[in-house]
């Protein structure tokens, strides 16, 4: 019985890894004059899950979310970050997704949104949902090595 136990553990591990690989949609190839915009399939559910995760913790909902990708006309990276933010924010707070400062320095993108300086009740949870989507879309479409979303002080 002992020799089969490691084999069963290996099979369980492999089947789990295979299941997770199906969570991402098939890769979409955009033309040279387009960017890939990747957003959660169910944005209200995503916002709720990320708010809960940012306040309570647990497993990161990004690991289980289904994303929908589409090709959009190529824009400046600042606009891509803003489009990512406004797509996630609720209708009442779309203006909070306006990018007030953006720069790329040493392969690091720095993104500051209006929400970082104009807070409202629930803005922390909203930013917790916006941050990974901005990063996801900048990583998909640029060669930046890191993305820092937050108030830019220098």
N, C-alpha and C. Protein backbone atom coordinates (compact mmCIF):
# COMPACT_ATOMS: atom_id res chain seq x y z
N UNK A 1 0.81 -1.20 0.00
CA UNK A 1 0.00 0.00 0.00
C UNK A 1 0.85 1.26 0.00
N UNK A 2 2.01 1.21 0.66
CA UNK A 2 2.87 2.39 0.75
C UNK A 2 3.33 2.90 -0.61
N UNK A 3 3.71 2.02 -1.58
CA UNK A 3 4.16 2.55 -2.86
C UNK A 3 3.07 3.30 -3.63
N UNK A 4 1.81 3.01 -3.42
CA UNK A 4 0.75 3.68 -4.17
C UNK A 4 0.39 5.04 -3.59
N UNK A 5 0.71 5.26 -2.32
CA UNK A 5 0.37 6.54 -1.69
C UNK A 5 1.06 7.72 -2.39
N UNK A 6 2.37 7.68 -2.65
CA UNK A 6 2.98 8.80 -3.38
C UNK A 6 2.40 8.97 -4.79
N UNK A 7 2.06 7.86 -5.43
CA UNK A 7 1.49 7.93 -6.77
C UNK A 7 0.13 8.62 -6.73
N UNK A 8 -0.69 8.29 -5.74
CA UNK A 8 -2.01 8.92 -5.62
C UNK A 8 -1.86 10.42 -5.35
N UNK A 9 -0.88 10.78 -4.50
CA UNK A 9 -0.65 12.20 -4.22
C UNK A 9 -0.23 12.94 -5.48
N UNK A 10 0.64 12.30 -6.27
CA UNK A 10 1.09 12.90 -7.53
C UNK A 10 -0.08 13.08 -8.49
N UNK A 11 -0.94 12.06 -8.60
CA UNK A 11 -2.10 12.17 -9.49
C UNK A 11 -3.05 13.28 -9.05
N UNK A 12 -3.26 13.39 -7.75
CA UNK A 12 -4.12 14.45 -7.23
C UNK A 12 -3.52 15.82 -7.55
N UNK A 13 -2.22 15.97 -7.35
CA UNK A 13 -1.55 17.23 -7.64
C UNK A 13 -1.65 17.57 -9.12
N UNK A 14 -1.37 16.60 -9.98
CA UNK A 14 -1.42 16.85 -11.41
C UNK A 14 -2.82 17.19 -11.90
N UNK A 15 -3.81 16.50 -11.39
CA UNK A 15 -5.18 16.80 -11.83
C UNK A 15 -5.61 18.17 -11.35
N UNK A 16 -5.13 18.59 -10.16
CA UNK A 16 -5.44 19.92 -9.66
C UNK A 16 -4.80 21.00 -10.51
N UNK A 17 -3.56 20.78 -10.93
CA UNK A 17 -2.87 21.76 -11.78
C UNK A 17 -3.55 21.87 -13.13
N UNK A 18 -3.99 20.75 -13.66
CA UNK A 18 -4.64 20.76 -14.96
C UNK A 18 -5.96 21.52 -14.88
N UNK A 19 -6.69 21.38 -13.80
CA UNK A 19 -7.96 22.09 -13.64
C UNK A 19 -7.74 23.59 -13.62
N UNK A 20 -6.72 24.04 -12.87
CA UNK A 20 -6.47 25.48 -12.79
C UNK A 20 -6.10 26.09 -14.13
N UNK A 21 -5.44 25.32 -14.99
CA UNK A 21 -5.02 25.87 -16.27
C UNK A 21 -6.21 26.18 -17.18
N UNK A 22 -7.37 25.62 -16.89
CA UNK A 22 -8.54 25.88 -17.71
C UNK A 22 -9.26 27.17 -17.29
N UNK A 23 -8.81 27.80 -16.20
CA UNK A 23 -9.48 29.01 -15.74
C UNK A 23 -9.23 30.20 -16.66
N UNK A 24 -8.10 30.23 -17.32
CA UNK A 24 -7.79 31.32 -18.24
C UNK A 24 -8.42 31.06 -19.60
N UNK A 25 -8.96 32.09 -20.22
CA UNK A 25 -9.51 31.90 -21.57
C UNK A 25 -8.38 31.65 -22.56
N UNK A 26 -8.73 31.09 -23.68
CA UNK A 26 -7.72 30.87 -24.71
C UNK A 26 -7.12 32.20 -25.12
N UNK A 27 -5.85 32.16 -25.47
CA UNK A 27 -5.13 33.38 -25.83
C UNK A 27 -5.71 33.99 -27.11
N UNK A 28 -5.89 35.28 -27.08
CA UNK A 28 -6.37 36.02 -28.23
C UNK A 28 -5.17 36.78 -28.79
N UNK A 29 -4.98 36.71 -30.06
CA UNK A 29 -3.91 37.45 -30.72
C UNK A 29 -4.48 38.74 -31.30
N UNK A 30 -3.96 39.85 -30.85
CA UNK A 30 -4.38 41.14 -31.39
C UNK A 30 -3.37 41.59 -32.44
N UNK A 31 -3.80 42.47 -33.32
CA UNK A 31 -2.91 43.00 -34.35
C UNK A 31 -1.94 43.99 -33.71
N UNK A 32 -0.97 44.45 -34.49
CA UNK A 32 0.04 45.38 -33.98
C UNK A 32 -0.54 46.72 -33.55
N UNK A 33 -1.70 47.08 -34.05
CA UNK A 33 -2.29 48.37 -33.68
C UNK A 33 -3.42 48.20 -32.66
N UNK A 34 -3.37 47.08 -31.92
CA UNK A 34 -4.39 46.81 -30.90
C UNK A 34 -3.73 46.36 -29.60
N UNK A 35 -4.46 46.57 -28.51
CA UNK A 35 -4.10 46.04 -27.19
C UNK A 35 -5.13 45.00 -26.80
N UNK A 36 -4.75 44.14 -25.88
CA UNK A 36 -5.65 43.16 -25.31
C UNK A 36 -6.18 43.72 -24.00
N UNK A 37 -7.49 43.86 -23.89
CA UNK A 37 -8.13 44.31 -22.65
C UNK A 37 -8.75 43.08 -22.01
N UNK A 38 -8.29 42.76 -20.81
CA UNK A 38 -8.75 41.57 -20.10
C UNK A 38 -9.46 42.00 -18.82
N UNK A 39 -10.74 41.63 -18.72
CA UNK A 39 -11.57 42.02 -17.58
C UNK A 39 -12.29 40.79 -17.03
N UNK A 40 -12.64 40.82 -15.75
CA UNK A 40 -13.42 39.71 -15.20
C UNK A 40 -14.74 39.57 -15.95
N UNK A 41 -15.17 38.33 -16.13
CA UNK A 41 -16.42 38.07 -16.84
C UNK A 41 -17.61 38.68 -16.10
N UNK A 42 -17.62 38.55 -14.78
CA UNK A 42 -18.71 39.09 -13.96
C UNK A 42 -18.11 40.17 -13.05
N UNK A 43 -18.12 41.40 -13.51
CA UNK A 43 -17.46 42.49 -12.79
C UNK A 43 -18.09 42.76 -11.41
N UNK A 44 -19.43 42.79 -11.27
CA UNK A 44 -19.99 42.99 -9.92
C UNK A 44 -19.57 41.88 -8.94
N UNK A 45 -19.55 40.64 -9.40
CA UNK A 45 -19.11 39.54 -8.54
C UNK A 45 -17.63 39.69 -8.18
N UNK A 46 -16.83 40.10 -9.16
CA UNK A 46 -15.41 40.33 -8.92
C UNK A 46 -15.21 41.43 -7.89
N UNK A 47 -15.92 42.55 -8.04
CA UNK A 47 -15.80 43.66 -7.08
C UNK A 47 -16.14 43.19 -5.67
N UNK A 48 -17.22 42.43 -5.56
CA UNK A 48 -17.65 41.93 -4.25
C UNK A 48 -16.59 40.99 -3.66
N UNK A 49 -16.09 40.07 -4.46
CA UNK A 49 -15.10 39.10 -3.98
C UNK A 49 -13.81 39.80 -3.56
N UNK A 50 -13.37 40.80 -4.33
CA UNK A 50 -12.15 41.51 -3.99
C UNK A 50 -12.33 42.39 -2.75
N UNK A 51 -13.51 42.97 -2.58
CA UNK A 51 -13.79 43.76 -1.37
C UNK A 51 -13.72 42.86 -0.15
N UNK A 52 -14.34 41.71 -0.25
CA UNK A 52 -14.32 40.74 0.85
C UNK A 52 -12.89 40.28 1.13
N UNK A 53 -12.14 39.97 0.09
CA UNK A 53 -10.76 39.52 0.24
C UNK A 53 -9.88 40.61 0.87
N UNK A 54 -10.07 41.87 0.45
CA UNK A 54 -9.24 42.95 0.99
C UNK A 54 -9.56 43.23 2.45
N UNK A 55 -10.77 42.91 2.89
CA UNK A 55 -11.15 43.20 4.26
C UNK A 55 -11.01 42.00 5.20
N UNK A 56 -11.21 40.79 4.66
CA UNK A 56 -11.20 39.60 5.51
C UNK A 56 -9.99 38.72 5.26
N UNK A 57 -9.52 38.71 4.01
CA UNK A 57 -8.41 37.83 3.65
C UNK A 57 -8.94 36.54 3.06
N UNK A 58 -8.14 35.51 3.15
CA UNK A 58 -8.50 34.22 2.57
C UNK A 58 -7.80 34.03 1.25
N UNK A 59 -8.41 33.20 0.40
CA UNK A 59 -7.82 32.93 -0.91
C UNK A 59 -8.12 34.08 -1.86
N UNK A 60 -7.11 34.47 -2.61
CA UNK A 60 -7.25 35.57 -3.56
C UNK A 60 -8.24 35.17 -4.66
N UNK A 61 -9.32 35.95 -4.85
CA UNK A 61 -10.32 35.62 -5.86
C UNK A 61 -9.79 35.62 -7.30
N UNK A 62 -8.67 36.28 -7.52
CA UNK A 62 -8.10 36.28 -8.87
C UNK A 62 -7.79 34.87 -9.35
N UNK A 63 -7.50 33.96 -8.41
CA UNK A 63 -7.17 32.59 -8.77
C UNK A 63 -8.35 31.82 -9.33
N UNK A 64 -9.56 32.28 -9.06
CA UNK A 64 -10.73 31.53 -9.50
C UNK A 64 -11.65 32.31 -10.45
N UNK A 65 -11.30 33.54 -10.77
CA UNK A 65 -12.14 34.36 -11.65
C UNK A 65 -11.94 33.96 -13.11
N UNK A 66 -13.00 34.07 -13.86
CA UNK A 66 -12.93 33.89 -15.30
C UNK A 66 -12.80 35.26 -15.93
N UNK A 67 -11.86 35.38 -16.86
CA UNK A 67 -11.62 36.65 -17.53
C UNK A 67 -12.04 36.57 -18.98
N UNK A 68 -12.52 37.71 -19.49
CA UNK A 68 -12.90 37.83 -20.88
C UNK A 68 -11.95 38.86 -21.50
N UNK A 69 -11.38 38.49 -22.62
CA UNK A 69 -10.42 39.38 -23.27
C UNK A 69 -10.94 39.80 -24.63
N UNK A 70 -10.60 41.02 -25.00
CA UNK A 70 -10.97 41.52 -26.31
C UNK A 70 -9.87 42.45 -26.81
N UNK A 71 -9.76 42.57 -28.10
CA UNK A 71 -8.80 43.48 -28.70
C UNK A 71 -9.44 44.86 -28.80
N UNK A 72 -8.67 45.86 -28.39
CA UNK A 72 -9.14 47.25 -28.47
C UNK A 72 -8.08 48.05 -29.22
N UNK A 73 -8.46 49.20 -29.81
CA UNK A 73 -7.45 50.02 -30.49
C UNK A 73 -6.33 50.41 -29.53
N UNK A 74 -5.10 50.39 -30.03
CA UNK A 74 -3.94 50.75 -29.22
C UNK A 74 -4.06 52.20 -28.78
N UNK A 75 -3.81 52.43 -27.51
CA UNK A 75 -3.87 53.76 -26.91
C UNK A 75 -2.60 53.95 -26.08
N UNK A 76 -2.35 55.15 -25.58
CA UNK A 76 -1.24 55.30 -24.64
C UNK A 76 -1.49 54.41 -23.41
N UNK A 77 -0.41 53.97 -22.76
CA UNK A 77 -0.55 53.09 -21.59
C UNK A 77 -1.34 53.77 -20.48
N UNK A 78 -1.23 55.08 -20.38
CA UNK A 78 -2.02 55.82 -19.39
C UNK A 78 -3.51 55.58 -19.62
N UNK A 79 -3.93 55.65 -20.87
CA UNK A 79 -5.34 55.43 -21.20
C UNK A 79 -5.75 53.98 -20.96
N UNK A 80 -4.85 53.05 -21.23
CA UNK A 80 -5.15 51.64 -20.95
C UNK A 80 -5.37 51.43 -19.46
N UNK A 81 -4.54 52.05 -18.64
CA UNK A 81 -4.72 51.96 -17.18
C UNK A 81 -6.06 52.56 -16.76
N UNK A 82 -6.40 53.71 -17.34
CA UNK A 82 -7.67 54.37 -17.01
C UNK A 82 -8.86 53.54 -17.47
N UNK A 83 -8.79 52.98 -18.66
CA UNK A 83 -9.88 52.11 -19.15
C UNK A 83 -10.06 50.90 -18.25
N UNK A 84 -8.95 50.34 -17.77
CA UNK A 84 -9.01 49.19 -16.87
C UNK A 84 -9.70 49.58 -15.57
N UNK A 85 -9.33 50.74 -15.03
CA UNK A 85 -9.91 51.18 -13.75
C UNK A 85 -11.39 51.50 -13.88
N UNK A 86 -11.75 52.26 -14.90
CA UNK A 86 -13.16 52.67 -15.02
C UNK A 86 -14.07 51.48 -15.35
N UNK A 87 -13.52 50.46 -15.99
CA UNK A 87 -14.34 49.27 -16.27
C UNK A 87 -14.71 48.55 -14.98
N UNK A 88 -13.86 48.62 -13.97
CA UNK A 88 -14.09 47.91 -12.71
C UNK A 88 -14.91 48.73 -11.72
N UNK A 89 -14.72 50.03 -11.69
CA UNK A 89 -15.42 50.86 -10.72
C UNK A 89 -16.92 50.93 -10.99
N UNK A 90 -17.69 51.06 -9.92
CA UNK A 90 -19.14 51.16 -10.07
C UNK A 90 -19.50 52.46 -10.77
N UNK A 91 -20.70 52.52 -11.29
CA UNK A 91 -21.18 53.68 -12.05
C UNK A 91 -21.05 54.98 -11.25
N UNK A 92 -21.29 54.92 -9.96
CA UNK A 92 -21.23 56.11 -9.11
C UNK A 92 -19.82 56.68 -8.97
N UNK A 93 -18.80 55.86 -9.27
CA UNK A 93 -17.42 56.29 -9.01
C UNK A 93 -16.51 56.15 -10.23
N UNK A 94 -17.05 56.19 -11.42
CA UNK A 94 -16.24 56.07 -12.64
C UNK A 94 -15.16 57.15 -12.71
N UNK A 95 -15.48 58.36 -12.26
CA UNK A 95 -14.51 59.46 -12.29
C UNK A 95 -13.29 59.19 -11.42
N UNK A 96 -13.43 58.35 -10.41
CA UNK A 96 -12.31 58.02 -9.53
C UNK A 96 -11.26 57.19 -10.25
N UNK A 97 -11.62 56.64 -11.41
CA UNK A 97 -10.67 55.87 -12.20
C UNK A 97 -9.82 56.71 -13.13
N UNK A 98 -10.03 58.03 -13.12
CA UNK A 98 -9.22 58.93 -13.95
C UNK A 98 -7.77 58.88 -13.50
N UNK A 99 -6.85 58.66 -14.42
CA UNK A 99 -5.42 58.62 -14.11
C UNK A 99 -4.91 60.06 -14.01
N UNK A 100 -4.48 60.46 -12.82
CA UNK A 100 -4.00 61.82 -12.62
C UNK A 100 -2.49 61.92 -12.81
N UNK A 101 -1.76 60.85 -12.58
CA UNK A 101 -0.32 60.80 -12.83
C UNK A 101 0.04 59.43 -13.37
N UNK A 102 0.88 59.42 -14.40
CA UNK A 102 1.34 58.15 -14.99
C UNK A 102 2.74 58.36 -15.52
N UNK A 103 3.59 57.40 -15.24
CA UNK A 103 4.93 57.43 -15.84
C UNK A 103 5.51 56.02 -15.82
N UNK A 104 6.41 55.81 -16.75
CA UNK A 104 7.18 54.58 -16.77
C UNK A 104 8.63 54.98 -16.60
N UNK A 105 9.27 54.42 -15.59
CA UNK A 105 10.66 54.75 -15.31
C UNK A 105 11.38 53.45 -14.93
N UNK A 106 12.46 53.16 -15.63
CA UNK A 106 13.25 51.94 -15.37
C UNK A 106 12.38 50.68 -15.41
N UNK A 107 11.54 50.57 -16.42
CA UNK A 107 10.65 49.42 -16.62
C UNK A 107 9.62 49.22 -15.51
N UNK A 108 9.33 50.29 -14.78
CA UNK A 108 8.29 50.25 -13.75
C UNK A 108 7.25 51.29 -14.12
N UNK A 109 5.99 50.88 -14.18
CA UNK A 109 4.89 51.82 -14.45
C UNK A 109 4.33 52.29 -13.11
N UNK A 110 4.15 53.60 -12.99
CA UNK A 110 3.57 54.21 -11.80
C UNK A 110 2.23 54.81 -12.20
N UNK A 111 1.18 54.41 -11.51
CA UNK A 111 -0.17 54.84 -11.87
C UNK A 111 -0.84 55.42 -10.61
N UNK A 112 -1.28 56.67 -10.71
CA UNK A 112 -2.05 57.27 -9.63
C UNK A 112 -3.42 57.65 -10.17
N UNK A 113 -4.44 57.20 -9.48
CA UNK A 113 -5.82 57.49 -9.86
C UNK A 113 -6.39 58.60 -9.00
N UNK A 114 -7.44 59.22 -9.48
CA UNK A 114 -8.14 60.23 -8.68
C UNK A 114 -8.60 59.63 -7.35
N UNK A 115 -8.92 58.36 -7.35
CA UNK A 115 -9.38 57.68 -6.12
C UNK A 115 -8.32 57.65 -5.03
N UNK A 116 -7.06 57.79 -5.40
CA UNK A 116 -6.00 57.76 -4.39
C UNK A 116 -5.96 59.02 -3.54
N UNK A 117 -6.51 60.10 -4.03
CA UNK A 117 -6.52 61.35 -3.26
C UNK A 117 -7.93 61.82 -2.91
N UNK A 118 -8.93 61.34 -3.62
CA UNK A 118 -10.33 61.70 -3.34
C UNK A 118 -11.07 60.46 -2.85
N UNK A 119 -10.99 60.22 -1.55
CA UNK A 119 -11.55 59.00 -0.98
C UNK A 119 -13.05 59.13 -0.72
N UNK A 120 -13.72 58.01 -0.62
CA UNK A 120 -15.12 57.92 -0.25
C UNK A 120 -15.27 56.65 0.58
N UNK A 121 -16.38 56.48 1.22
CA UNK A 121 -16.61 55.25 1.98
C UNK A 121 -16.59 54.07 1.01
N UNK A 122 -15.68 53.17 1.21
CA UNK A 122 -15.55 52.01 0.32
C UNK A 122 -14.46 52.16 -0.72
N UNK A 123 -13.74 53.28 -0.71
CA UNK A 123 -12.72 53.48 -1.74
C UNK A 123 -11.58 52.48 -1.62
N UNK A 124 -11.24 52.06 -0.43
CA UNK A 124 -10.16 51.08 -0.26
C UNK A 124 -10.52 49.75 -0.92
N UNK A 125 -11.75 49.32 -0.73
CA UNK A 125 -12.20 48.07 -1.36
C UNK A 125 -12.26 48.22 -2.87
N UNK A 126 -12.68 49.38 -3.34
CA UNK A 126 -12.73 49.62 -4.79
C UNK A 126 -11.33 49.58 -5.39
N UNK A 127 -10.39 50.20 -4.70
CA UNK A 127 -9.01 50.20 -5.19
C UNK A 127 -8.39 48.81 -5.15
N UNK A 128 -8.80 48.00 -4.18
CA UNK A 128 -8.31 46.62 -4.11
C UNK A 128 -8.76 45.83 -5.34
N UNK A 129 -9.90 46.18 -5.89
CA UNK A 129 -10.41 45.50 -7.09
C UNK A 129 -9.76 46.06 -8.35
N UNK A 130 -9.49 47.34 -8.37
CA UNK A 130 -8.95 48.00 -9.55
C UNK A 130 -7.47 47.68 -9.77
N UNK A 131 -6.70 47.68 -8.69
CA UNK A 131 -5.25 47.51 -8.76
C UNK A 131 -4.81 46.29 -9.59
N UNK A 132 -5.32 45.08 -9.32
CA UNK A 132 -4.84 43.93 -10.10
C UNK A 132 -5.26 43.96 -11.57
N UNK A 133 -6.35 44.64 -11.88
CA UNK A 133 -6.80 44.70 -13.28
C UNK A 133 -5.91 45.67 -14.07
N UNK A 134 -5.54 46.78 -13.45
CA UNK A 134 -4.59 47.69 -14.11
C UNK A 134 -3.29 46.95 -14.37
N UNK A 135 -2.78 46.27 -13.35
CA UNK A 135 -1.53 45.52 -13.51
C UNK A 135 -1.65 44.46 -14.59
N UNK A 136 -2.73 43.71 -14.56
CA UNK A 136 -2.93 42.64 -15.55
C UNK A 136 -2.84 43.19 -16.97
N UNK A 137 -3.55 44.29 -17.22
CA UNK A 137 -3.60 44.82 -18.58
C UNK A 137 -2.30 45.49 -19.00
N UNK A 138 -1.60 46.12 -18.08
CA UNK A 138 -0.30 46.69 -18.44
C UNK A 138 0.73 45.58 -18.69
N UNK A 139 0.71 44.53 -17.88
CA UNK A 139 1.63 43.41 -18.11
C UNK A 139 1.34 42.71 -19.44
N UNK A 140 0.07 42.58 -19.79
CA UNK A 140 -0.29 41.92 -21.04
C UNK A 140 0.15 42.70 -22.28
N UNK A 141 0.26 44.01 -22.16
CA UNK A 141 0.46 44.85 -23.33
C UNK A 141 1.76 45.65 -23.36
N UNK A 142 2.56 45.55 -22.35
CA UNK A 142 3.80 46.31 -22.34
C UNK A 142 4.94 45.43 -21.85
N UNK A 143 6.11 46.00 -21.81
CA UNK A 143 7.28 45.26 -21.35
C UNK A 143 7.71 45.70 -19.96
N UNK A 144 6.80 46.37 -19.23
CA UNK A 144 7.15 46.77 -17.87
C UNK A 144 7.35 45.53 -17.01
N UNK A 145 8.24 45.66 -16.06
CA UNK A 145 8.55 44.56 -15.16
C UNK A 145 7.78 44.64 -13.86
N UNK A 146 7.26 45.84 -13.55
CA UNK A 146 6.49 46.03 -12.34
C UNK A 146 5.50 47.17 -12.56
N UNK A 147 4.41 47.13 -11.84
CA UNK A 147 3.41 48.20 -11.89
C UNK A 147 3.08 48.57 -10.45
N UNK A 148 3.22 49.84 -10.15
CA UNK A 148 2.88 50.34 -8.82
C UNK A 148 1.68 51.26 -8.96
N UNK A 149 0.59 50.88 -8.33
CA UNK A 149 -0.64 51.65 -8.37
C UNK A 149 -0.82 52.29 -7.01
N UNK A 150 -0.85 53.61 -6.97
CA UNK A 150 -1.01 54.31 -5.72
C UNK A 150 -0.62 55.77 -5.87
N UNK A 151 -0.66 56.47 -4.77
CA UNK A 151 -0.32 57.89 -4.81
C UNK A 151 1.16 58.07 -5.10
N UNK A 152 1.47 58.90 -6.08
CA UNK A 152 2.84 59.19 -6.45
C UNK A 152 3.27 60.45 -5.69
N UNK A 153 4.29 60.31 -4.88
CA UNK A 153 4.68 61.43 -4.03
C UNK A 153 5.88 62.21 -4.54
N UNK A 154 6.68 61.65 -5.45
CA UNK A 154 7.86 62.39 -5.90
C UNK A 154 7.72 62.92 -7.30
